[in-house]
């Protein structure tokens, strides 16, 4: 961009600006040929909230960000229903698990 030109820093799908302020961060080209303060242009994975089920231990899924996977297990005293467990969940780009298992997996 030419001096004074503005462009926007945009995070890739599944990521958001760490500041949480916006989807895009405008930056301006300074007279020295560099963009002004881009220190806030840090993209981080979108967090996923762990599903909740009384019979399934989703603790391994808590605090994951997009692209991460976890393997929940049955709570003590419960067994896998129909061979569904162990199963793997992936935190999706939108910040939710792509294919959550039913609450009655155990």
N, C-alpha and C. Protein backbone atom coordinates (compact mmCIF):
# COMPACT_ATOMS: atom_id res chain seq x y z
N UNK A 1 0.85 -1.19 0.00
CA UNK A 1 0.00 0.00 0.00
C UNK A 1 0.89 1.24 0.00
N UNK A 2 0.40 2.29 -0.58
CA UNK A 2 1.12 3.56 -0.60
C UNK A 2 1.04 4.20 0.79
N UNK A 3 1.94 5.16 1.03
CA UNK A 3 1.92 5.88 2.31
C UNK A 3 0.52 6.41 2.58
N UNK A 4 0.03 6.12 3.77
CA UNK A 4 -1.31 6.54 4.14
C UNK A 4 -2.39 5.54 3.75
N UNK A 5 -1.99 4.54 2.94
CA UNK A 5 -2.96 3.53 2.52
C UNK A 5 -3.35 2.64 3.70
N UNK A 6 -4.57 2.20 3.69
CA UNK A 6 -5.08 1.36 4.78
C UNK A 6 -5.46 0.00 4.23
N UNK A 7 -5.08 -1.03 4.95
CA UNK A 7 -5.54 -2.37 4.62
C UNK A 7 -5.97 -3.04 5.92
N UNK A 8 -6.61 -4.18 5.81
CA UNK A 8 -7.14 -4.84 7.01
C UNK A 8 -6.45 -6.18 7.22
N UNK A 9 -6.05 -6.44 8.44
CA UNK A 9 -5.51 -7.74 8.83
C UNK A 9 -6.72 -8.59 9.19
N UNK A 10 -6.84 -9.74 8.56
CA UNK A 10 -7.96 -10.64 8.80
C UNK A 10 -7.42 -12.00 9.19
N UNK A 11 -8.01 -12.61 10.19
CA UNK A 11 -7.59 -13.95 10.62
C UNK A 11 -8.21 -15.00 9.71
N UNK A 12 -7.52 -16.12 9.56
CA UNK A 12 -8.04 -17.23 8.76
C UNK A 12 -9.24 -17.86 9.45
N UNK A 13 -9.99 -18.63 8.70
CA UNK A 13 -11.15 -19.34 9.24
C UNK A 13 -10.74 -20.17 10.45
N UNK A 14 -11.51 -20.07 11.52
CA UNK A 14 -11.22 -20.82 12.74
C UNK A 14 -10.40 -20.04 13.74
N UNK A 15 -10.01 -18.82 13.37
CA UNK A 15 -9.19 -17.99 14.24
C UNK A 15 -9.84 -16.63 14.39
N UNK A 16 -9.53 -15.94 15.47
CA UNK A 16 -10.04 -14.60 15.73
C UNK A 16 -8.92 -13.75 16.31
N UNK A 17 -9.06 -12.45 16.20
CA UNK A 17 -8.06 -11.56 16.79
C UNK A 17 -8.04 -11.78 18.30
N UNK A 18 -6.86 -11.88 18.87
CA UNK A 18 -6.70 -12.12 20.30
C UNK A 18 -7.36 -11.03 21.14
N UNK A 19 -7.41 -9.83 20.61
CA UNK A 19 -8.02 -8.72 21.34
C UNK A 19 -9.52 -8.91 21.50
N UNK A 20 -10.11 -9.69 20.60
CA UNK A 20 -11.54 -9.92 20.63
C UNK A 20 -12.35 -8.72 20.19
N UNK A 21 -11.68 -7.66 19.76
CA UNK A 21 -12.37 -6.42 19.40
C UNK A 21 -13.13 -6.50 18.09
N UNK A 22 -12.55 -7.13 17.09
CA UNK A 22 -13.17 -7.12 15.77
C UNK A 22 -12.69 -8.33 14.97
N UNK A 23 -13.34 -8.53 13.85
CA UNK A 23 -12.94 -9.60 12.95
C UNK A 23 -11.73 -9.16 12.13
N UNK A 24 -11.66 -7.88 11.82
CA UNK A 24 -10.57 -7.32 11.05
C UNK A 24 -9.94 -6.17 11.82
N UNK A 25 -8.64 -5.96 11.58
CA UNK A 25 -7.93 -4.86 12.21
C UNK A 25 -7.31 -4.00 11.13
N UNK A 26 -7.75 -2.74 11.00
CA UNK A 26 -7.16 -1.87 9.98
C UNK A 26 -5.75 -1.42 10.38
N UNK A 27 -4.85 -1.41 9.41
CA UNK A 27 -3.50 -0.90 9.62
C UNK A 27 -3.18 0.09 8.50
N UNK A 28 -2.35 1.08 8.82
CA UNK A 28 -2.02 2.14 7.88
C UNK A 28 -0.54 2.07 7.51
N UNK A 29 -0.25 2.28 6.23
CA UNK A 29 1.13 2.30 5.77
C UNK A 29 1.75 3.65 6.13
N UNK A 30 2.82 3.62 6.93
CA UNK A 30 3.49 4.84 7.37
C UNK A 30 4.48 5.33 6.29
N UNK A 31 5.00 6.53 6.47
CA UNK A 31 5.93 7.14 5.52
C UNK A 31 7.21 6.33 5.38
N UNK A 32 7.57 5.55 6.41
CA UNK A 32 8.80 4.75 6.34
C UNK A 32 8.61 3.44 5.57
N UNK A 33 7.38 3.22 5.06
CA UNK A 33 7.12 2.03 4.26
C UNK A 33 6.66 0.83 5.08
N UNK A 34 6.53 1.00 6.36
CA UNK A 34 6.06 -0.07 7.23
C UNK A 34 4.65 0.25 7.70
N UNK A 35 3.94 -0.79 8.09
CA UNK A 35 2.60 -0.57 8.64
C UNK A 35 2.70 -0.09 10.07
N UNK A 36 1.72 0.72 10.47
CA UNK A 36 1.70 1.20 11.85
C UNK A 36 1.51 0.01 12.79
N UNK A 37 1.24 0.25 14.01
CA UNK A 37 1.20 -0.77 15.05
C UNK A 37 0.39 -2.01 14.65
N UNK A 38 1.10 -3.08 14.37
CA UNK A 38 0.44 -4.36 14.05
C UNK A 38 0.57 -5.35 15.20
N UNK A 39 1.04 -4.87 16.35
CA UNK A 39 1.25 -5.76 17.49
C UNK A 39 -0.06 -6.40 17.96
N UNK A 40 -1.18 -5.73 17.70
CA UNK A 40 -2.47 -6.29 18.10
C UNK A 40 -3.03 -7.29 17.10
N UNK A 41 -2.33 -7.46 16.00
CA UNK A 41 -2.81 -8.37 14.96
C UNK A 41 -2.34 -9.79 15.23
N UNK A 42 -2.77 -10.34 16.34
CA UNK A 42 -2.42 -11.71 16.72
C UNK A 42 -3.70 -12.54 16.63
N UNK A 43 -3.65 -13.59 15.83
CA UNK A 43 -4.81 -14.46 15.66
C UNK A 43 -4.66 -15.69 16.55
N UNK A 44 -5.74 -16.07 17.21
CA UNK A 44 -5.75 -17.25 18.08
C UNK A 44 -6.93 -18.12 17.69
N UNK A 45 -6.82 -19.42 17.98
CA UNK A 45 -7.91 -20.35 17.68
C UNK A 45 -9.15 -20.01 18.47
N UNK A 46 -10.31 -20.19 17.83
CA UNK A 46 -11.58 -19.95 18.52
C UNK A 46 -11.81 -21.05 19.55
N UNK A 47 -12.19 -20.68 20.77
CA UNK A 47 -12.40 -21.69 21.81
C UNK A 47 -13.71 -22.45 21.62
N UNK A 48 -13.72 -23.69 22.07
CA UNK A 48 -14.93 -24.52 22.07
C UNK A 48 -15.31 -24.82 23.51
N UNK A 49 -16.57 -24.72 23.80
CA UNK A 49 -17.06 -25.10 25.13
C UNK A 49 -17.32 -26.60 25.12
N UNK A 50 -16.87 -27.28 26.16
CA UNK A 50 -17.07 -28.72 26.25
C UNK A 50 -18.56 -29.02 26.38
N UNK A 51 -19.03 -30.06 25.68
CA UNK A 51 -20.43 -30.47 25.84
C UNK A 51 -20.68 -30.89 27.29
N UNK A 52 -21.93 -30.95 27.68
CA UNK A 52 -22.29 -31.34 29.04
C UNK A 52 -23.21 -32.56 28.97
N UNK A 53 -22.85 -33.61 29.69
CA UNK A 53 -23.69 -34.80 29.81
C UNK A 53 -23.35 -35.46 31.14
N UNK A 54 -24.36 -35.90 31.86
CA UNK A 54 -24.15 -36.49 33.18
C UNK A 54 -23.34 -37.78 33.14
N UNK A 55 -23.44 -38.53 32.05
CA UNK A 55 -22.79 -39.83 31.98
C UNK A 55 -21.45 -39.83 31.25
N UNK A 56 -21.11 -38.72 30.61
CA UNK A 56 -19.86 -38.64 29.83
C UNK A 56 -18.93 -37.61 30.46
N UNK A 57 -17.65 -37.98 30.60
CA UNK A 57 -16.64 -37.07 31.13
C UNK A 57 -16.02 -36.31 29.96
N UNK A 58 -16.46 -35.08 29.77
CA UNK A 58 -15.95 -34.24 28.69
C UNK A 58 -14.79 -33.36 29.15
N UNK A 59 -14.25 -33.60 30.34
CA UNK A 59 -13.16 -32.77 30.86
C UNK A 59 -11.98 -32.65 29.88
N UNK A 60 -11.61 -33.72 29.16
CA UNK A 60 -10.49 -33.57 28.22
C UNK A 60 -10.77 -32.58 27.09
N UNK A 61 -12.03 -32.20 26.91
CA UNK A 61 -12.41 -31.30 25.82
C UNK A 61 -12.49 -29.84 26.26
N UNK A 62 -12.39 -29.59 27.54
CA UNK A 62 -12.54 -28.24 28.06
C UNK A 62 -11.34 -27.37 27.70
N UNK A 63 -11.59 -26.18 27.19
CA UNK A 63 -10.53 -25.22 26.90
C UNK A 63 -9.83 -25.42 25.57
N UNK A 64 -10.34 -26.30 24.71
CA UNK A 64 -9.70 -26.52 23.42
C UNK A 64 -10.02 -25.37 22.46
N UNK A 65 -9.16 -25.20 21.46
CA UNK A 65 -9.38 -24.20 20.43
C UNK A 65 -9.51 -24.90 19.08
N UNK A 66 -9.98 -24.17 18.07
CA UNK A 66 -10.24 -24.75 16.75
C UNK A 66 -9.07 -25.58 16.25
N UNK A 67 -9.41 -26.75 15.73
CA UNK A 67 -8.42 -27.68 15.20
C UNK A 67 -7.96 -28.73 16.20
N UNK A 68 -8.19 -28.51 17.49
CA UNK A 68 -7.76 -29.46 18.51
C UNK A 68 -8.79 -30.58 18.65
N UNK A 69 -8.33 -31.75 19.06
CA UNK A 69 -9.21 -32.89 19.26
C UNK A 69 -9.13 -33.38 20.70
N UNK A 70 -10.19 -34.08 21.14
CA UNK A 70 -10.20 -34.65 22.48
C UNK A 70 -10.91 -36.00 22.43
N UNK A 71 -10.68 -36.80 23.47
CA UNK A 71 -11.32 -38.11 23.57
C UNK A 71 -12.03 -38.20 24.92
N UNK A 72 -13.32 -37.93 24.96
CA UNK A 72 -14.07 -38.05 26.20
C UNK A 72 -14.19 -39.52 26.61
N UNK A 73 -14.60 -39.76 27.83
CA UNK A 73 -14.78 -41.12 28.34
C UNK A 73 -16.06 -41.19 29.16
N UNK A 74 -16.50 -42.40 29.46
CA UNK A 74 -17.68 -42.57 30.31
C UNK A 74 -17.32 -42.23 31.75
N UNK A 75 -18.28 -41.65 32.46
CA UNK A 75 -18.11 -41.38 33.89
C UNK A 75 -17.98 -42.71 34.63
N UNK A 76 -17.33 -42.71 35.79
CA UNK A 76 -17.25 -43.94 36.58
C UNK A 76 -18.65 -44.51 36.83
N UNK A 77 -18.76 -45.81 36.66
CA UNK A 77 -20.04 -46.48 36.86
C UNK A 77 -20.87 -46.61 35.60
N UNK A 78 -20.40 -46.02 34.48
CA UNK A 78 -21.13 -46.10 33.22
C UNK A 78 -20.25 -46.79 32.18
N UNK A 79 -20.91 -47.47 31.24
CA UNK A 79 -20.19 -48.16 30.17
C UNK A 79 -20.65 -47.62 28.82
N UNK A 80 -19.84 -47.85 27.82
CA UNK A 80 -20.17 -47.37 26.47
C UNK A 80 -21.44 -48.02 25.96
N UNK A 81 -22.34 -47.21 25.43
CA UNK A 81 -23.60 -47.70 24.86
C UNK A 81 -23.39 -47.98 23.37
N UNK A 82 -23.47 -49.23 22.99
CA UNK A 82 -23.36 -49.57 21.58
C UNK A 82 -21.99 -49.31 20.98
N UNK A 83 -20.95 -49.32 21.79
CA UNK A 83 -19.60 -49.15 21.28
C UNK A 83 -19.26 -47.73 20.83
N UNK A 84 -20.00 -46.73 21.29
CA UNK A 84 -19.75 -45.34 20.87
C UNK A 84 -18.50 -44.73 21.49
N UNK A 85 -18.06 -45.26 22.63
CA UNK A 85 -16.93 -44.68 23.33
C UNK A 85 -15.79 -45.67 23.28
N UNK A 86 -14.55 -45.32 23.07
CA UNK A 86 -14.11 -43.92 22.98
C UNK A 86 -14.45 -43.32 21.62
N UNK A 87 -14.66 -42.04 21.63
CA UNK A 87 -14.91 -41.31 20.40
C UNK A 87 -14.08 -40.03 20.45
N UNK A 88 -13.83 -39.49 19.28
CA UNK A 88 -12.99 -38.30 19.17
C UNK A 88 -13.85 -37.13 18.71
N UNK A 89 -13.69 -36.00 19.36
CA UNK A 89 -14.37 -34.77 18.96
C UNK A 89 -13.33 -33.77 18.49
N UNK A 90 -13.67 -32.99 17.47
CA UNK A 90 -12.77 -31.94 16.99
C UNK A 90 -13.44 -30.59 17.16
N UNK A 91 -12.69 -29.65 17.71
CA UNK A 91 -13.18 -28.27 17.85
C UNK A 91 -13.15 -27.64 16.47
N UNK A 92 -14.32 -27.25 15.97
CA UNK A 92 -14.45 -26.73 14.62
C UNK A 92 -14.09 -25.27 14.47
N UNK A 93 -14.05 -24.83 13.24
CA UNK A 93 -13.66 -23.46 12.91
C UNK A 93 -14.60 -22.42 13.50
N UNK A 94 -15.86 -22.78 13.69
CA UNK A 94 -16.84 -21.82 14.21
C UNK A 94 -16.81 -21.74 15.74
N UNK A 95 -15.99 -22.58 16.37
CA UNK A 95 -15.91 -22.53 17.82
C UNK A 95 -16.82 -23.52 18.52
N UNK A 96 -17.30 -24.51 17.80
CA UNK A 96 -18.12 -25.57 18.39
C UNK A 96 -17.57 -26.91 17.93
N UNK A 97 -17.94 -27.97 18.64
CA UNK A 97 -17.47 -29.28 18.22
C UNK A 97 -18.24 -29.72 16.98
N UNK A 98 -17.49 -30.22 15.97
CA UNK A 98 -18.08 -30.57 14.69
C UNK A 98 -19.10 -31.70 14.77
N UNK A 99 -18.81 -32.70 15.57
CA UNK A 99 -19.72 -33.86 15.61
C UNK A 99 -19.87 -34.37 17.03
N UNK A 100 -20.58 -33.61 17.86
CA UNK A 100 -20.73 -34.07 19.25
C UNK A 100 -21.51 -35.37 19.32
N UNK A 101 -21.12 -36.23 20.23
CA UNK A 101 -21.80 -37.48 20.44
C UNK A 101 -23.06 -37.25 21.26
N UNK A 102 -24.04 -38.13 21.14
CA UNK A 102 -25.27 -37.96 21.92
C UNK A 102 -24.98 -38.08 23.42
N UNK A 103 -25.81 -37.42 24.21
CA UNK A 103 -25.66 -37.43 25.65
C UNK A 103 -25.78 -38.83 26.23
N UNK A 104 -26.43 -39.74 25.49
CA UNK A 104 -26.61 -41.12 25.99
C UNK A 104 -25.54 -42.07 25.47
N UNK A 105 -24.34 -41.55 25.17
CA UNK A 105 -23.25 -42.40 24.67
C UNK A 105 -22.79 -43.40 25.71
N UNK A 106 -23.05 -43.13 26.99
CA UNK A 106 -22.64 -44.04 28.06
C UNK A 106 -23.86 -44.44 28.87
